[in-house]
């Protein structure tokens, strides 16, 4: 479905490009609505040139969807956050549907959902939500916004900073790239896995992890910072 351009007096419509920008900004804010997201972060996430980002951001600001502070960054307005949450809801429910119902691998579904999120109706998304049992998270552990646009703002420590020698449960993965997800799956680090961080070795840039009922693995600091955990009950 291709939407008509966003207009302040017609908030029910938006192009797929507008939706992509708003979803990107919401994701980059990481549950901090007051946080400013820089042009560089938006451009890097969407793969577009800085000049293109600046032009689009000014358009969205004029439309009342975000607040733009030159040379600092942007934050979503109330209207922009609501629209972004609905796009994110579609994306994450589609990801879970593709994994749970169609049997796709969790490393494949992000790219597919990027395409499908603009092509499904809210009625279909509500039906998918019902079929899946009103899930709280997607296959990567990211929270699924409610129909009203509310998002669980709970934050979790990563393997890079969580407590040592304490059993943890993997709850979320913060990198949706296929290569990274396959890398984690091969090592048994998927949501639900029980792990113990035994050591962090600064000189080697490594985090030593024991996976319960599995092997001992070593992650670099960058990879470890993208795997989030909670203390296992």
C-alpha atoms as a PDB file:
ATOM      1  CA  UNK A   1       0.000   0.000   0.000  1.00  0.00           C
ATOM      2  CA  UNK A   2       1.347   3.456  -0.925  1.00  0.00           C
ATOM      3  CA  UNK A   3       0.160   6.256   1.315  1.00  0.00           C
ATOM      4  CA  UNK A   4      -0.517   9.821   0.287  1.00  0.00           C
ATOM      5  CA  UNK A   5       1.936  12.446   1.539  1.00  0.00           C
ATOM      6  CA  UNK A   6       1.577  13.454   5.177  1.00  0.00           C
ATOM      7  CA  UNK A   7      -0.407  16.608   5.802  1.00  0.00           C
ATOM      8  CA  UNK A   8      -0.967  18.314   9.139  1.00  0.00           C
ATOM      9  CA  UNK A   9      -4.721  18.464   8.467  1.00  0.00           C
ATOM     10  CA  UNK A  10      -4.843  14.823   7.367  1.00  0.00           C
ATOM     11  CA  UNK A  11      -2.955  12.792  10.003  1.00  0.00           C
ATOM     12  CA  UNK A  12      -4.322   9.459   8.779  1.00  0.00           C
ATOM     13  CA  UNK A  13      -1.951   9.206   5.847  1.00  0.00           C
ATOM     14  CA  UNK A  14       1.808   8.968   5.425  1.00  0.00           C
ATOM     15  CA  UNK A  15       4.224   7.711   2.803  1.00  0.00           C
ATOM     16  CA  UNK A  16       6.337   4.635   3.439  1.00  0.00           C
ATOM     17  CA  UNK A  17       9.377   6.929   3.556  1.00  0.00           C
ATOM     18  CA  UNK A  18       7.809   9.017   6.324  1.00  0.00           C
ATOM     19  CA  UNK A  19       7.018   5.832   8.234  1.00  0.00           C
ATOM     20  CA  UNK A  20      10.593   4.584   7.847  1.00  0.00           C
ATOM     21  CA  UNK A  21      12.018   7.824   9.232  1.00  0.00           C
ATOM     22  CA  UNK A  22       9.650   7.952  12.187  1.00  0.00           C
ATOM     23  CA  UNK A  23      10.214   4.291  13.057  1.00  0.00           C
ATOM     24  CA  UNK A  24      13.973   4.815  12.838  1.00  0.00           C
ATOM     25  CA  UNK A  25      13.874   7.798  15.187  1.00  0.00           C
ATOM     26  CA  UNK A  26      11.646   5.976  17.673  1.00  0.00           C
ATOM     27  CA  UNK A  27      14.003   3.005  17.696  1.00  0.00           C
ATOM     28  CA  UNK A  28      17.067   5.213  18.083  1.00  0.00           C
ATOM     29  CA  UNK A  29      15.495   7.031  21.028  1.00  0.00           C
ATOM     30  CA  UNK A  30      15.558   3.679  22.875  1.00  0.00           C
ATOM     31  CA  UNK A  31      12.663   4.455  25.195  1.00  0.00           C
ATOM     32  CA  UNK A  32      13.866   7.993  25.979  1.00  0.00           C
ATOM     33  CA  UNK A  33      11.319  10.331  24.322  1.00  0.00           C
ATOM     34  CA  UNK A  34      13.296  13.413  25.386  1.00  0.00           C
ATOM     35  CA  UNK A  35      16.480  12.180  23.689  1.00  0.00           C
ATOM     36  CA  UNK A  36      17.738  13.861  20.528  1.00  0.00           C
ATOM     37  CA  UNK A  37      18.688  11.642  17.583  1.00  0.00           C
ATOM     38  CA  UNK A  38      21.421  13.043  15.346  1.00  0.00           C
ATOM     39  CA  UNK A  39      21.280  13.279  11.571  1.00  0.00           C
ATOM     40  CA  UNK A  40      24.268  10.953  11.378  1.00  0.00           C
ATOM     41  CA  UNK A  41      22.524   8.174  13.308  1.00  0.00           C
ATOM     42  CA  UNK A  42      19.412   8.454  11.134  1.00  0.00           C
ATOM     43  CA  UNK A  43      21.446   8.449   7.920  1.00  0.00           C
ATOM     44  CA  UNK A  44      23.492   5.460   9.040  1.00  0.00           C
ATOM     45  CA  UNK A  45      20.420   3.469  10.076  1.00  0.00           C
ATOM     46  CA  UNK A  46      18.513   4.182   6.848  1.00  0.00           C
ATOM     47  CA  UNK A  47      21.500   4.184   4.497  1.00  0.00           C
ATOM     48  CA  UNK A  48      20.846   7.653   3.090  1.00  0.00           C
ATOM     49  CA  UNK A  49      23.031  10.724   2.583  1.00  0.00           C
ATOM     50  CA  UNK A  50      23.180  13.465   5.263  1.00  0.00           C
ATOM     51  CA  UNK A  51      21.670  16.063   2.933  1.00  0.00           C
ATOM     52  CA  UNK A  52      18.699  13.804   2.245  1.00  0.00           C
ATOM     53  CA  UNK A  53      18.161  13.263   5.976  1.00  0.00           C
ATOM     54  CA  UNK A  54      18.242  16.989   6.717  1.00  0.00           C
ATOM     55  CA  UNK A  55      15.719  17.782   3.976  1.00  0.00           C
ATOM     56  CA  UNK A  56      13.340  15.073   5.155  1.00  0.00           C
ATOM     57  CA  UNK A  57      13.681  16.052   8.798  1.00  0.00           C
ATOM     58  CA  UNK A  58      12.750  19.654   7.980  1.00  0.00           C
ATOM     59  CA  UNK A  59       9.674  18.429   6.106  1.00  0.00           C
ATOM     60  CA  UNK A  60       8.609  16.244   9.033  1.00  0.00           C
ATOM     61  CA  UNK A  61       9.187  19.123  11.429  1.00  0.00           C
ATOM     62  CA  UNK A  62       6.997  21.412   9.317  1.00  0.00           C
ATOM     63  CA  UNK A  63       4.322  18.693   9.386  1.00  0.00           C
ATOM     64  CA  UNK A  64       4.346  18.557  13.179  1.00  0.00           C
ATOM     65  CA  UNK A  65       5.683  15.012  13.404  1.00  0.00           C
ATOM     66  CA  UNK A  66       8.949  15.853  15.107  1.00  0.00           C
ATOM     67  CA  UNK A  67      10.933  18.620  16.765  1.00  0.00           C
ATOM     68  CA  UNK A  68      14.099  19.644  14.947  1.00  0.00           C
ATOM     69  CA  UNK A  69      16.988  21.345  16.695  1.00  0.00           C
ATOM     70  CA  UNK A  70      19.585  22.411  14.077  1.00  0.00           C
ATOM     71  CA  UNK A  71      23.079  21.025  14.693  1.00  0.00           C
ATOM     72  CA  UNK A  72      21.751  18.902  17.577  1.00  0.00           C
ATOM     73  CA  UNK A  73      19.152  16.447  16.345  1.00  0.00           C
ATOM     74  CA  UNK A  74      15.474  15.578  16.419  1.00  0.00           C
ATOM     75  CA  UNK A  75      12.884  14.060  18.703  1.00  0.00           C
ATOM     76  CA  UNK A  76       9.394  12.853  17.868  1.00  0.00           C
ATOM     77  CA  UNK A  77       6.335  14.920  18.646  1.00  0.00           C
ATOM     78  CA  UNK A  78       3.343  13.229  20.266  1.00  0.00           C
ATOM     79  CA  UNK A  79       1.750  12.701  16.847  1.00  0.00           C
ATOM     80  CA  UNK A  80       5.010  11.410  15.382  1.00  0.00           C
ATOM     81  CA  UNK A  81       5.569   8.996  18.248  1.00  0.00           C
ATOM     82  CA  UNK A  82       2.070   7.585  17.901  1.00  0.00           C
ATOM     83  CA  UNK A  83       2.470   6.965  14.172  1.00  0.00           C
ATOM     84  CA  UNK A  84       5.963   5.501  14.667  1.00  0.00           C
ATOM     85  CA  UNK A  85       4.692   3.102  17.337  1.00  0.00           C
ATOM     86  CA  UNK A  86       2.014   1.767  14.993  1.00  0.00           C
ATOM     87  CA  UNK A  87       4.594   1.169  12.258  1.00  0.00           C
ATOM     88  CA  UNK A  88       6.865  -0.578  14.756  1.00  0.00           C
ATOM     89  CA  UNK A  89       3.937  -2.699  15.930  1.00  0.00           C
ATOM     90  CA  UNK A  90       3.269  -3.851  12.367  1.00  0.00           C
ATOM     91  CA  UNK A  91       6.951  -4.618  11.797  1.00  0.00           C
ATOM     92  CA  UNK A  92       7.445  -6.698  14.929  1.00  0.00           C
ATOM     93  CA  UNK A  93       4.180  -8.617  14.655  1.00  0.00           C
ATOM     94  CA  UNK A  94       5.023  -9.475  11.046  1.00  0.00           C
ATOM     95  CA  UNK A  95       8.454 -10.723  12.133  1.00  0.00           C
ATOM     96  CA  UNK A  96       6.896 -12.994  14.736  1.00  0.00           C
ATOM     97  CA  UNK A  97       4.249 -14.232  12.288  1.00  0.00           C
ATOM     98  CA  UNK A  98       6.930 -15.131   9.750  1.00  0.00           C
ATOM     99  CA  UNK A  99       8.853 -17.110  12.368  1.00  0.00           C
ATOM    100  CA  UNK A 100       6.017 -18.754  14.286  1.00  0.00           C
ATOM    101  CA  UNK A 101       3.527 -19.432  11.482  1.00  0.00           C
ATOM    102  CA  UNK A 102       5.559 -19.564   8.268  1.00  0.00           C
ATOM    103  CA  UNK A 103       8.689 -21.084   9.782  1.00  0.00           C
ATOM    104  CA  UNK A 104      11.232 -18.549   8.530  1.00  0.00           C
ATOM    105  CA  UNK A 105      14.528 -18.255  10.377  1.00  0.00           C
ATOM    106  CA  UNK A 106      14.818 -15.311  12.791  1.00  0.00           C
ATOM    107  CA  UNK A 107      17.792 -14.056  10.772  1.00  0.00           C
ATOM    108  CA  UNK A 108      15.614 -13.670   7.643  1.00  0.00           C
ATOM    109  CA  UNK A 109      12.536 -11.861   8.865  1.00  0.00           C
ATOM    110  CA  UNK A 110      13.766  -8.301   9.465  1.00  0.00           C
ATOM    111  CA  UNK A 111      14.239  -7.546   5.762  1.00  0.00           C
ATOM    112  CA  UNK A 112      10.909  -9.169   4.869  1.00  0.00           C
ATOM    113  CA  UNK A 113       9.078  -7.195   7.545  1.00  0.00           C
ATOM    114  CA  UNK A 114      10.640  -3.966   6.257  1.00  0.00           C
ATOM    115  CA  UNK A 115       8.739  -4.536   3.003  1.00  0.00           C
ATOM    116  CA  UNK A 116       5.496  -5.924   4.412  1.00  0.00           C
ATOM    117  CA  UNK A 117       4.998  -3.359   7.177  1.00  0.00           C
ATOM    118  CA  UNK A 118       3.836  -0.803   4.587  1.00  0.00           C
ATOM    119  CA  UNK A 119       1.505  -3.211   2.803  1.00  0.00           C
ATOM    120  CA  UNK A 120      -0.779  -4.594   5.514  1.00  0.00           C
ATOM    121  CA  UNK A 121      -3.952  -3.145   6.979  1.00  0.00           C
ATOM    122  CA  UNK A 122      -4.546  -2.553  10.669  1.00  0.00           C
ATOM    123  CA  UNK A 123      -7.333  -5.142  10.491  1.00  0.00           C
ATOM    124  CA  UNK A 124      -4.881  -7.802   9.323  1.00  0.00           C
ATOM    125  CA  UNK A 125      -2.339  -6.802  11.981  1.00  0.00           C
ATOM    126  CA  UNK A 126      -5.005  -7.102  14.686  1.00  0.00           C
ATOM    127  CA  UNK A 127      -5.865 -10.572  13.396  1.00  0.00           C
ATOM    128  CA  UNK A 128      -2.198 -11.591  13.434  1.00  0.00           C
ATOM    129  CA  UNK A 129      -1.896 -10.258  16.981  1.00  0.00           C
ATOM    130  CA  UNK A 130      -4.909 -12.323  18.049  1.00  0.00           C
ATOM    131  CA  UNK A 131      -3.641 -15.456  16.282  1.00  0.00           C
ATOM    132  CA  UNK A 132      -0.267 -15.189  18.016  1.00  0.00           C
ATOM    133  CA  UNK A 133      -1.870 -14.792  21.447  1.00  0.00           C
ATOM    134  CA  UNK A 134      -1.210 -11.067  21.974  1.00  0.00           C
ATOM    135  CA  UNK A 135       2.582 -11.486  22.219  1.00  0.00           C
ATOM    136  CA  UNK A 136       4.720  -9.042  24.178  1.00  0.00           C
ATOM    137  CA  UNK A 137       7.957  -9.391  22.194  1.00  0.00           C
ATOM    138  CA  UNK A 138       9.154 -10.227  18.677  1.00  0.00           C
ATOM    139  CA  UNK A 139      11.599 -13.055  17.780  1.00  0.00           C
ATOM    140  CA  UNK A 140      14.572 -10.888  18.796  1.00  0.00           C
ATOM    141  CA  UNK A 141      13.083  -9.953  22.170  1.00  0.00           C
ATOM    142  CA  UNK A 142      12.086  -6.416  21.197  1.00  0.00           C
ATOM    143  CA  UNK A 143       8.817  -5.196  22.773  1.00  0.00           C
ATOM    144  CA  UNK A 144       5.767  -5.093  20.512  1.00  0.00           C
ATOM    145  CA  UNK A 145       3.786  -1.851  20.914  1.00  0.00           C
ATOM    146  CA  UNK A 146       0.160  -2.253  21.951  1.00  0.00           C
ATOM    147  CA  UNK A 147      -2.729  -1.331  19.670  1.00  0.00           C
ATOM    148  CA  UNK A 148      -2.855   2.002  21.525  1.00  0.00           C
ATOM    149  CA  UNK A 149       0.822   2.644  20.789  1.00  0.00           C
ATOM    150  CA  UNK A 150       2.233   1.937  24.242  1.00  0.00           C
ATOM    151  CA  UNK A 151       5.693   0.364  24.377  1.00  0.00           C
ATOM    152  CA  UNK A 152       7.224  -1.490  27.293  1.00  0.00           C
ATOM    153  CA  UNK A 153      10.101   0.736  28.355  1.00  0.00           C
ATOM    154  CA  UNK A 154      11.949  -1.860  30.440  1.00  0.00           C
ATOM    155  CA  UNK A 155      15.713  -1.780  29.993  1.00  0.00           C
ATOM    156  CA  UNK A 156      18.146  -4.628  30.520  1.00  0.00           C
ATOM    157  CA  UNK A 157      21.922  -4.816  30.985  1.00  0.00           C
ATOM    158  CA  UNK A 158      24.045  -6.316  28.248  1.00  0.00           C
ATOM    159  CA  UNK A 159      26.524  -9.154  28.574  1.00  0.00           C
ATOM    160  CA  UNK A 160      29.173  -6.431  28.641  1.00  0.00           C
ATOM    161  CA  UNK A 161      27.986  -4.941  31.941  1.00  0.00           C
ATOM    162  CA  UNK A 162      25.791  -7.522  33.706  1.00  0.00           C
ATOM    163  CA  UNK A 163      26.927  -9.158  36.947  1.00  0.00           C
ATOM    164  CA  UNK A 164      29.590 -11.831  36.779  1.00  0.00           C
ATOM    165  CA  UNK A 165      29.044 -15.391  38.023  1.00  0.00           C
ATOM    166  CA  UNK A 166      25.271 -15.008  38.148  1.00  0.00           C
ATOM    167  CA  UNK A 167      22.859 -16.979  36.016  1.00  0.00           C
ATOM    168  CA  UNK A 168      21.241 -14.728  33.402  1.00  0.00           C
ATOM    169  CA  UNK A 169      18.573 -15.234  30.758  1.00  0.00           C
ATOM    170  CA  UNK A 170      18.974 -13.722  27.300  1.00  0.00           C
ATOM    171  CA  UNK A 171      15.956 -11.481  26.684  1.00  0.00           C
ATOM    172  CA  UNK A 172      16.815  -9.342  23.656  1.00  0.00           C
ATOM    173  CA  UNK A 173      19.264  -8.954  20.800  1.00  0.00           C
ATOM    174  CA  UNK A 174      20.006  -5.398  19.706  1.00  0.00           C
ATOM    175  CA  UNK A 175      21.323  -6.091  16.204  1.00  0.00           C
ATOM    176  CA  UNK A 176      18.956  -7.368  13.503  1.00  0.00           C
ATOM    177  CA  UNK A 177      21.568  -8.063  10.827  1.00  0.00           C
ATOM    178  CA  UNK A 178      21.369 -11.580   9.409  1.00  0.00           C
ATOM    179  CA  UNK A 179      25.066 -12.323   9.898  1.00  0.00           C
ATOM    180  CA  UNK A 180      24.996 -11.329  13.556  1.00  0.00           C
ATOM    181  CA  UNK A 181      21.842 -13.317  14.310  1.00  0.00           C
ATOM    182  CA  UNK A 182      23.268 -16.421  12.647  1.00  0.00           C
ATOM    183  CA  UNK A 183      26.492 -15.886  14.597  1.00  0.00           C
ATOM    184  CA  UNK A 184      24.574 -15.840  17.894  1.00  0.00           C
ATOM    185  CA  UNK A 185      22.360 -18.776  16.990  1.00  0.00           C
ATOM    186  CA  UNK A 186      25.390 -20.878  16.114  1.00  0.00           C
ATOM    187  CA  UNK A 187      26.733 -20.192  19.616  1.00  0.00           C
ATOM    188  CA  UNK A 188      23.431 -20.811  21.387  1.00  0.00           C
ATOM    189  CA  UNK A 189      22.863 -17.195  22.390  1.00  0.00           C
ATOM    190  CA  UNK A 190      19.195 -16.700  21.556  1.00  0.00           C
ATOM    191  CA  UNK A 191      16.341 -15.245  23.638  1.00  0.00           C
ATOM    192  CA  UNK A 192      15.568 -17.688  26.427  1.00  0.00           C
ATOM    193  CA  UNK A 193      19.108 -19.071  26.688  1.00  0.00           C
ATOM    194  CA  UNK A 194      20.531 -19.329  30.223  1.00  0.00           C
ATOM    195  CA  UNK A 195      24.094 -18.070  30.563  1.00  0.00           C
ATOM    196  CA  UNK A 196      26.727 -17.118  33.108  1.00  0.00           C
ATOM    197  CA  UNK A 197      29.298 -14.419  32.362  1.00  0.00           C
ATOM    198  CA  UNK A 198      32.487 -15.744  33.941  1.00  0.00           C
ATOM    199  CA  UNK A 199      35.009 -13.080  33.004  1.00  0.00           C
ATOM    200  CA  UNK A 200      35.691  -9.934  31.001  1.00  0.00           C
ATOM    201  CA  UNK A 201      39.220  -9.617  29.732  1.00  0.00           C
ATOM    202  CA  UNK A 202      40.064  -6.040  28.781  1.00  0.00           C
ATOM    203  CA  UNK A 203      43.391  -6.880  27.162  1.00  0.00           C
ATOM    204  CA  UNK A 204      41.762  -9.412  24.855  1.00  0.00           C
ATOM    205  CA  UNK A 205      38.529  -7.469  24.291  1.00  0.00           C
ATOM    206  CA  UNK A 206      36.608 -10.616  25.213  1.00  0.00           C
ATOM    207  CA  UNK A 207      33.703 -11.710  27.387  1.00  0.00           C
ATOM    208  CA  UNK A 208      33.859 -15.342  28.520  1.00  0.00           C
ATOM    209  CA  UNK A 209      30.436 -16.937  28.775  1.00  0.00           C
ATOM    210  CA  UNK A 210      29.186 -20.355  29.854  1.00  0.00           C
ATOM    211  CA  UNK A 211      25.890 -21.400  28.316  1.00  0.00           C
ATOM    212  CA  UNK A 212      23.888 -23.673  30.590  1.00  0.00           C
ATOM    213  CA  UNK A 213      23.464 -27.083  28.930  1.00  0.00           C
ATOM    214  CA  UNK A 214      25.827 -25.828  26.237  1.00  0.00           C
ATOM    215  CA  UNK A 215      29.367 -24.767  25.519  1.00  0.00           C
ATOM    216  CA  UNK A 216      31.635 -22.029  26.742  1.00  0.00           C
ATOM    217  CA  UNK A 217      31.867 -19.167  24.241  1.00  0.00           C
ATOM    218  CA  UNK A 218      33.872 -15.998  23.882  1.00  0.00           C
ATOM    219  CA  UNK A 219      32.434 -12.736  22.520  1.00  0.00           C
ATOM    220  CA  UNK A 220      34.133  -9.475  21.674  1.00  0.00           C
ATOM    221  CA  UNK A 221      33.045  -6.420  23.635  1.00  0.00           C
ATOM    222  CA  UNK A 222      31.070  -5.019  20.702  1.00  0.00           C
ATOM    223  CA  UNK A 223      29.080  -8.216  20.196  1.00  0.00           C
ATOM    224  CA  UNK A 224      28.506  -8.627  23.942  1.00  0.00           C
ATOM    225  CA  UNK A 225      27.085  -5.087  24.138  1.00  0.00           C
ATOM    226  CA  UNK A 226      24.281  -6.118  21.754  1.00  0.00           C
ATOM    227  CA  UNK A 227      22.988  -9.071  23.792  1.00  0.00           C
ATOM    228  CA  UNK A 228      20.730  -8.083  26.704  1.00  0.00           C
ATOM    229  CA  UNK A 229      19.945 -10.217  29.729  1.00  0.00           C
ATOM    230  CA  UNK A 230      18.051 -10.341  32.998  1.00  0.00           C
ATOM    231  CA  UNK A 231      18.810 -12.267  36.166  1.00  0.00           C
ATOM    232  CA  UNK A 232      17.314 -15.737  35.736  1.00  0.00           C
ATOM    233  CA  UNK A 233      14.530 -16.572  38.167  1.00  0.00           C
END
